[in-house]
């Protein structure tokens, strides 16, 4: 009889969890998550049913791994394994590991909390792999890598309860070089790069979000490999060091031009991304007749980009202003815009 009750209780927990997540998006017209109900919730249901409930995990020194009783010894060939946990908390982070030198893998875990799902900081290079986890995200990052190089983040699913961006992303790479972000799926909160020199961002699928930079230097923007990523089932148009581009067909879910001069960007329709169209260190380009609505950043973003002709563009209900133009770009740009600049209220 007890096993029957246990089985019923587990199924009830799964149902309540799924209904709760569904309810978070009800009535959010700018966040069409019909694909999530098909692709994501079945994964969550299957995962939660087999996981062990666990309180928050905080590791601040190597011997904390053995305090928790994780299998492995922390060597490269026998890393500590943190796996198969359901970590649901009402405050604080779910998993935080900092200042360690041991090798470890976090895999097959489910996290749901108000702050960071999985955070690592000040690790020895190449010691962490974060693989195949599902993270429900409140007002912080799903996965945050800080001051830790050569980290692997792969095959994770990040689901944002809200579409507020900034530092609140599915995956944040902060001052962490030579890392790999690959084959991840993110809803509502995307990927943020901030001094992640020489990192690879490949084969990720982003929905209602995109890839964002924190005002990159020339050296930083040229150090990334960003390829085969999708936003809302459309490719990210990522161009670097290509002049005289002529882009007049609306093919992309997000458009990023870095060090590209004399481009002709017209007739783009880009919604529910981060910045719809970004020009970074790019000059003498025409942006005309583009529509960039409902993005979590700006409709059009120019950074260190001068002498550009930007006019007759429509950008509505973006979380940031119509265009984000640092002063040097503003002074040296010719801007004759159709000023439809309404900001969308942030969902809370």
Protein backbone atom coordinates (compact mmCIF):
# COMPACT_ATOMS: atom_id res chain seq x y z
CA UNK A 1 0.00 0.00 0.00
CA UNK A 2 2.83 2.40 0.83
CA UNK A 3 4.41 1.84 -2.59
CA UNK A 4 1.10 2.67 -4.28
CA UNK A 5 0.86 5.89 -2.26
CA UNK A 6 4.47 6.71 -3.08
CA UNK A 7 3.86 6.20 -6.79
CA UNK A 8 0.73 8.33 -6.70
CA UNK A 9 2.55 11.07 -4.81
CA UNK A 10 5.37 11.13 -7.32
CA UNK A 11 2.98 11.37 -10.26
CA UNK A 12 1.07 14.13 -8.48
CA UNK A 13 4.32 16.05 -7.91
CA UNK A 14 5.19 15.80 -11.60
CA UNK A 15 1.74 16.99 -12.65
CA UNK A 16 1.79 19.94 -10.24
CA UNK A 17 5.29 20.92 -11.40
CA UNK A 18 4.30 20.90 -15.06
CA UNK A 19 1.07 22.82 -14.44
CA UNK A 20 2.99 25.39 -12.40
CA UNK A 21 5.51 25.98 -15.17
CA UNK A 22 2.74 26.22 -17.76
CA UNK A 23 0.90 28.75 -15.61
CA UNK A 24 3.94 31.04 -15.58
CA UNK A 25 3.51 31.70 -19.28
CA UNK A 26 -0.27 31.92 -19.48
CA UNK A 27 -1.37 35.19 -21.02
CA UNK A 28 2.12 36.29 -22.04
CA UNK A 29 1.33 37.23 -25.61
CA UNK A 30 4.92 38.00 -26.60
CA UNK A 31 6.14 34.57 -25.43
CA UNK A 32 4.70 31.85 -27.63
CA UNK A 33 5.82 28.69 -25.89
CA UNK A 34 3.66 26.17 -27.73
CA UNK A 35 6.80 24.36 -28.83
CA UNK A 36 7.94 24.13 -25.21
CA UNK A 37 4.88 22.15 -24.22
CA UNK A 38 5.78 19.61 -26.86
CA UNK A 39 9.56 19.56 -26.63
CA UNK A 40 10.34 20.65 -23.12
CA UNK A 41 7.70 19.53 -20.68
CA UNK A 42 7.92 15.87 -21.62
CA UNK A 43 11.63 16.03 -20.84
CA UNK A 44 10.94 17.71 -17.50
CA UNK A 45 8.28 15.16 -16.60
CA UNK A 46 10.54 12.24 -17.44
CA UNK A 47 13.45 13.78 -15.57
CA UNK A 48 11.75 14.77 -12.32
CA UNK A 49 10.20 11.34 -11.82
CA UNK A 50 13.62 9.70 -11.52
CA UNK A 51 15.46 12.30 -9.45
CA UNK A 52 16.41 12.43 -5.79
CA UNK A 53 15.26 15.52 -3.83
CA UNK A 54 18.26 17.49 -2.62
CA UNK A 55 18.76 20.74 -0.73
CA UNK A 56 21.02 23.45 -2.15
CA UNK A 57 24.64 22.46 -2.78
CA UNK A 58 27.39 24.88 -1.76
CA UNK A 59 31.03 23.87 -2.26
CA UNK A 60 33.74 26.38 -1.35
CA UNK A 61 36.79 24.15 -0.93
CA UNK A 62 37.92 20.81 -2.33
CA UNK A 63 37.03 18.65 0.66
CA UNK A 64 33.39 19.80 0.48
CA UNK A 65 32.92 17.32 -2.39
CA UNK A 66 33.52 14.41 -0.03
CA UNK A 67 31.38 16.07 2.65
CA UNK A 68 28.43 15.63 0.30
CA UNK A 69 29.44 12.05 -0.49
CA UNK A 70 29.70 12.47 -4.25
CA UNK A 71 31.25 9.53 -6.07
CA UNK A 72 34.70 9.96 -7.62
CA UNK A 73 37.99 11.25 -6.25
CA UNK A 74 38.30 14.53 -8.17
CA UNK A 75 41.00 13.39 -10.58
CA UNK A 76 40.70 13.99 -14.31
CA UNK A 77 40.01 10.28 -14.95
CA UNK A 78 37.70 9.89 -11.96
CA UNK A 79 35.93 13.23 -11.41
CA UNK A 80 33.37 13.87 -8.71
CA UNK A 81 29.88 13.28 -10.09
CA UNK A 82 26.92 15.44 -9.08
CA UNK A 83 23.94 13.88 -10.80
CA UNK A 84 20.27 12.92 -10.68
CA UNK A 85 19.15 15.54 -8.14
CA UNK A 86 15.98 17.61 -7.97
CA UNK A 87 17.08 20.84 -6.30
CA UNK A 88 14.10 23.13 -5.75
CA UNK A 89 14.66 26.02 -3.34
CA UNK A 90 12.71 29.11 -2.29
CA UNK A 91 15.76 31.32 -1.76
CA UNK A 92 19.41 31.45 -2.75
CA UNK A 93 21.27 29.45 -5.40
CA UNK A 94 20.66 25.82 -6.23
CA UNK A 95 24.26 24.73 -6.93
CA UNK A 96 27.29 26.95 -6.30
CA UNK A 97 30.88 25.73 -6.55
CA UNK A 98 33.84 28.07 -6.10
CA UNK A 99 37.57 28.09 -5.41
CA UNK A 100 38.16 24.39 -6.14
CA UNK A 101 40.87 22.48 -8.00
CA UNK A 102 39.15 19.09 -8.33
CA UNK A 103 37.54 17.80 -11.50
CA UNK A 104 33.76 17.39 -11.40
CA UNK A 105 30.72 16.83 -13.61
CA UNK A 106 27.22 18.15 -12.96
CA UNK A 107 24.72 16.18 -15.02
CA UNK A 108 21.09 15.13 -15.18
CA UNK A 109 20.01 17.55 -12.45
CA UNK A 110 16.87 19.67 -12.24
CA UNK A 111 17.07 23.06 -10.53
CA UNK A 112 14.37 25.60 -9.72
CA UNK A 113 15.11 28.64 -7.55
CA UNK A 114 15.03 32.45 -7.50
CA UNK A 115 18.75 32.94 -8.11
CA UNK A 116 21.43 30.95 -9.96
CA UNK A 117 20.67 27.38 -10.97
CA UNK A 118 24.28 26.24 -11.43
CA UNK A 119 27.09 28.67 -10.70
CA UNK A 120 30.85 28.12 -10.72
CA UNK A 121 33.52 30.64 -9.83
CA UNK A 122 37.32 30.74 -9.58
CA UNK A 123 37.86 27.12 -10.58
CA UNK A 124 41.08 25.53 -11.75
CA UNK A 125 41.07 25.53 -15.57
CA UNK A 126 39.25 22.71 -17.32
CA UNK A 127 37.90 21.08 -14.18
CA UNK A 128 34.12 21.49 -14.70
CA UNK A 129 31.61 19.99 -17.10
CA UNK A 130 27.91 20.92 -16.92
CA UNK A 131 25.91 18.50 -19.01
CA UNK A 132 22.27 17.60 -19.64
CA UNK A 133 20.63 19.57 -16.84
CA UNK A 134 17.24 21.29 -16.77
CA UNK A 135 17.13 24.69 -15.10
CA UNK A 136 14.03 26.74 -14.27
CA UNK A 137 15.21 30.35 -13.95
CA UNK A 138 13.83 33.20 -11.86
CA UNK A 139 15.59 36.58 -11.84
CA UNK A 140 19.17 35.38 -12.28
CA UNK A 141 21.14 33.07 -14.57
CA UNK A 142 20.43 29.42 -15.21
CA UNK A 143 24.13 28.64 -15.59
CA UNK A 144 26.76 31.21 -14.62
CA UNK A 145 30.45 30.69 -15.28
CA UNK A 146 32.66 33.27 -13.59
CA UNK A 147 36.45 33.59 -13.66
CA UNK A 148 36.83 29.94 -14.69
CA UNK A 149 38.49 28.89 -17.94
CA UNK A 150 38.07 25.84 -20.19
CA UNK A 151 34.59 24.93 -18.97
CA UNK A 152 32.17 22.73 -20.94
CA UNK A 153 28.45 23.57 -20.95
CA UNK A 154 26.52 21.17 -23.16
CA UNK A 155 23.04 19.74 -23.75
CA UNK A 156 21.34 21.77 -21.01
CA UNK A 157 17.79 23.15 -21.10
CA UNK A 158 17.24 26.60 -19.54
CA UNK A 159 13.68 27.85 -19.06
CA UNK A 160 13.14 31.43 -17.94
CA UNK A 161 10.03 32.28 -15.96
CA UNK A 162 10.32 35.88 -17.15
CA UNK A 163 11.72 37.67 -20.19
CA UNK A 164 13.95 40.14 -18.36
CA UNK A 165 17.46 40.02 -19.79
CA UNK A 166 20.57 41.93 -18.79
CA UNK A 167 22.58 39.67 -16.50
CA UNK A 168 19.55 37.41 -16.20
CA UNK A 169 20.25 34.84 -18.87
CA UNK A 170 20.08 31.15 -19.54
CA UNK A 171 23.88 30.90 -19.72
CA UNK A 172 26.32 33.64 -18.69
CA UNK A 173 30.03 33.46 -19.46
CA UNK A 174 31.81 36.11 -17.39
CA UNK A 175 35.59 36.54 -17.54
CA UNK A 176 35.92 32.86 -18.45
CA UNK A 177 38.02 32.01 -21.48
CA UNK A 178 38.38 29.03 -23.82
CA UNK A 179 35.04 27.53 -22.85
CA UNK A 180 32.52 25.61 -24.94
CA UNK A 181 28.77 26.32 -24.97
CA UNK A 182 27.17 23.79 -27.27
CA UNK A 183 23.89 22.00 -28.00
CA UNK A 184 21.97 23.85 -25.30
CA UNK A 185 18.32 24.95 -25.51
CA UNK A 186 17.10 28.13 -23.85
CA UNK A 187 13.65 29.66 -23.51
CA UNK A 188 13.13 33.35 -22.61
CA UNK A 189 16.71 33.84 -21.38
CA UNK A 190 19.59 33.38 -23.79
CA UNK A 191 23.40 33.40 -23.80
CA UNK A 192 25.46 36.33 -22.50
CA UNK A 193 29.15 36.75 -23.32
CA UNK A 194 31.28 39.02 -21.16
CA UNK A 195 35.04 38.70 -21.63
CA UNK A 196 34.83 35.03 -22.53
CA UNK A 197 37.77 35.24 -24.91
CA UNK A 198 38.38 32.37 -27.36
CA UNK A 199 35.19 30.54 -26.42
CA UNK A 200 33.03 28.51 -28.78
CA UNK A 201 29.26 28.98 -28.98
CA UNK A 202 27.88 26.35 -31.31
CA UNK A 203 24.65 24.49 -32.14
CA UNK A 204 22.48 26.17 -29.51
CA UNK A 205 18.72 26.70 -29.95
CA UNK A 206 17.26 29.85 -28.38
CA UNK A 207 13.58 30.78 -28.14
CA UNK A 208 12.29 34.27 -27.25
CA UNK A 209 15.87 35.30 -26.49
CA UNK A 210 19.25 35.54 -28.19
CA UNK A 211 22.99 36.04 -27.82
CA UNK A 212 24.21 39.22 -26.13
CA UNK A 213 27.55 40.95 -25.57
CA UNK A 214 28.66 43.36 -22.89
CA UNK A 215 30.21 46.04 -25.13
CA UNK A 216 33.04 43.86 -26.40
CA UNK A 217 36.48 45.10 -27.31
CA UNK A 218 37.81 44.46 -30.80
CA UNK A 219 40.01 41.65 -29.45
CA UNK A 220 37.15 40.01 -27.59
CA UNK A 221 34.63 40.13 -30.43
CA UNK A 222 37.18 38.64 -32.82
CA UNK A 223 38.13 35.82 -30.49
CA UNK A 224 34.80 33.95 -30.42
CA UNK A 225 33.67 31.14 -32.66
CA UNK A 226 29.90 31.51 -33.00
CA UNK A 227 28.26 29.17 -35.48
CA UNK A 228 25.15 27.11 -36.24
CA UNK A 229 23.00 28.73 -33.55
CA UNK A 230 19.25 29.30 -33.93
CA UNK A 231 16.85 31.91 -32.59
CA UNK A 232 13.19 30.99 -32.90
CA UNK A 233 14.11 28.27 -35.40
CA UNK A 234 15.93 30.74 -37.63
CA UNK A 235 19.71 30.99 -37.96
CA UNK A 236 21.61 33.74 -36.22
CA UNK A 237 23.15 35.90 -38.90
CA UNK A 238 26.64 36.33 -37.44
CA UNK A 239 29.07 38.17 -39.70
CA UNK A 240 32.57 39.29 -38.83
CA UNK A 241 35.11 41.13 -41.03
CA UNK A 242 32.84 41.04 -44.08
CA UNK A 243 32.34 44.27 -46.00
CA UNK A 244 29.64 45.27 -48.48
CA UNK A 245 27.09 42.79 -47.18
CA UNK A 246 23.70 43.02 -48.88
CA UNK A 247 21.02 41.54 -46.63
CA UNK A 248 17.51 42.30 -47.83
CA UNK A 249 15.68 39.02 -47.23
CA UNK A 250 14.39 38.34 -43.74
CA UNK A 251 16.15 35.06 -43.01
CA UNK A 252 17.49 35.52 -39.51
CA UNK A 253 16.24 35.25 -35.94
CA UNK A 254 18.97 37.69 -34.85
CA UNK A 255 21.48 39.68 -36.88
CA UNK A 256 24.97 40.58 -35.60
CA UNK A 257 27.58 42.40 -37.68
CA UNK A 258 31.07 42.88 -36.25
CA UNK A 259 33.67 45.00 -38.03
CA UNK A 260 31.59 45.00 -41.22
CA UNK A 261 31.58 48.22 -43.26
CA UNK A 262 29.37 49.40 -46.14
CA UNK A 263 26.55 46.96 -45.44
CA UNK A 264 23.02 47.26 -46.78
CA UNK A 265 20.54 45.93 -44.21
CA UNK A 266 16.91 46.26 -45.26
CA UNK A 267 13.52 44.60 -44.82
CA UNK A 268 14.46 42.54 -41.78
CA UNK A 269 11.69 41.38 -39.44
CA UNK A 270 13.24 40.26 -36.15
CA UNK A 271 11.19 39.77 -32.99
CA UNK A 272 11.52 37.97 -29.67
CA UNK A 273 15.32 37.96 -29.73
CA UNK A 274 17.83 40.00 -27.69
CA UNK A 275 19.02 42.96 -29.79
CA UNK A 276 17.25 42.48 -33.09
CA UNK A 277 20.03 43.97 -35.23
CA UNK A 278 23.49 44.71 -33.81
CA UNK A 279 26.27 46.70 -35.46
CA UNK A 280 29.51 46.43 -33.52
CA UNK A 281 32.59 48.33 -34.72
CA UNK A 282 30.92 48.72 -38.12
CA UNK A 283 30.70 51.85 -40.30
CA UNK A 284 29.14 53.36 -43.41
CA UNK A 285 26.13 51.04 -43.45
CA UNK A 286 22.47 51.52 -44.32
CA UNK A 287 19.72 50.23 -42.02
CA UNK A 288 16.38 50.89 -43.66
CA UNK A 289 12.83 49.58 -43.42
CA UNK A 290 13.54 47.02 -40.70
CA UNK A 291 11.04 45.91 -38.08
CA UNK A 292 12.43 44.79 -34.72
CA UNK A 293 9.74 44.29 -32.07
CA UNK A 294 9.34 42.58 -28.71
CA UNK A 295 13.02 41.99 -28.12
CA UNK A 296 14.52 41.70 -24.64
CA UNK A 297 17.27 44.15 -25.58
CA UNK A 298 17.01 46.93 -28.15
CA UNK A 299 15.41 46.74 -31.54
CA UNK A 300 18.60 48.10 -33.11
CA UNK A 301 21.93 48.31 -31.27
CA UNK A 302 24.99 50.24 -32.45
CA UNK A 303 28.25 50.03 -30.52
CA UNK A 304 31.44 51.79 -31.63
CA UNK A 305 29.79 52.12 -35.04
CA UNK A 306 29.94 55.49 -36.77
CA UNK A 307 28.79 57.08 -40.05
CA UNK A 308 25.80 54.77 -40.42
CA UNK A 309 22.53 55.77 -42.09
CA UNK A 310 19.63 54.48 -39.97
CA UNK A 311 16.13 55.47 -41.08
CA UNK A 312 12.55 54.31 -41.57
CA UNK A 313 12.84 51.48 -39.08
CA UNK A 314 10.03 50.34 -36.79
CA UNK A 315 10.86 49.04 -33.33
CA UNK A 316 8.09 48.55 -30.77
CA UNK A 317 7.81 47.11 -27.28
CA UNK A 318 11.45 46.22 -26.76
CA UNK A 319 12.63 46.01 -23.15
CA UNK A 320 15.39 48.54 -23.85
CA UNK A 321 15.14 51.70 -25.90
CA UNK A 322 14.51 51.74 -29.64
CA UNK A 323 18.21 51.98 -30.34
CA UNK A 324 21.13 51.76 -27.93
CA UNK A 325 23.74 54.15 -29.23
CA UNK A 326 26.85 54.94 -27.19
CA UNK A 327 27.80 58.60 -27.58
CA UNK A 328 30.45 58.21 -30.27
CA UNK A 329 28.04 56.22 -32.45
CA UNK A 330 25.27 58.76 -31.91
CA UNK A 331 27.39 61.76 -32.83
CA UNK A 332 28.72 60.24 -36.02
CA UNK A 333 25.60 58.47 -37.28
CA UNK A 334 23.04 59.88 -39.67
CA UNK A 335 19.77 58.86 -38.04
CA UNK A 336 16.42 59.68 -39.62
CA UNK A 337 14.11 57.21 -37.95
CA UNK A 338 10.46 56.44 -37.86
CA UNK A 339 10.23 56.94 -34.10
CA UNK A 340 7.93 54.21 -32.99
CA UNK A 341 9.78 53.66 -29.78
CA UNK A 342 7.35 52.26 -27.27
CA UNK A 343 8.93 50.07 -24.63
CA UNK A 344 7.28 46.89 -23.51
CA UNK A 345 6.64 46.67 -19.80
CA UNK A 346 8.77 44.07 -18.11
CA UNK A 347 6.98 40.95 -16.98
CA UNK A 348 7.33 40.13 -13.33
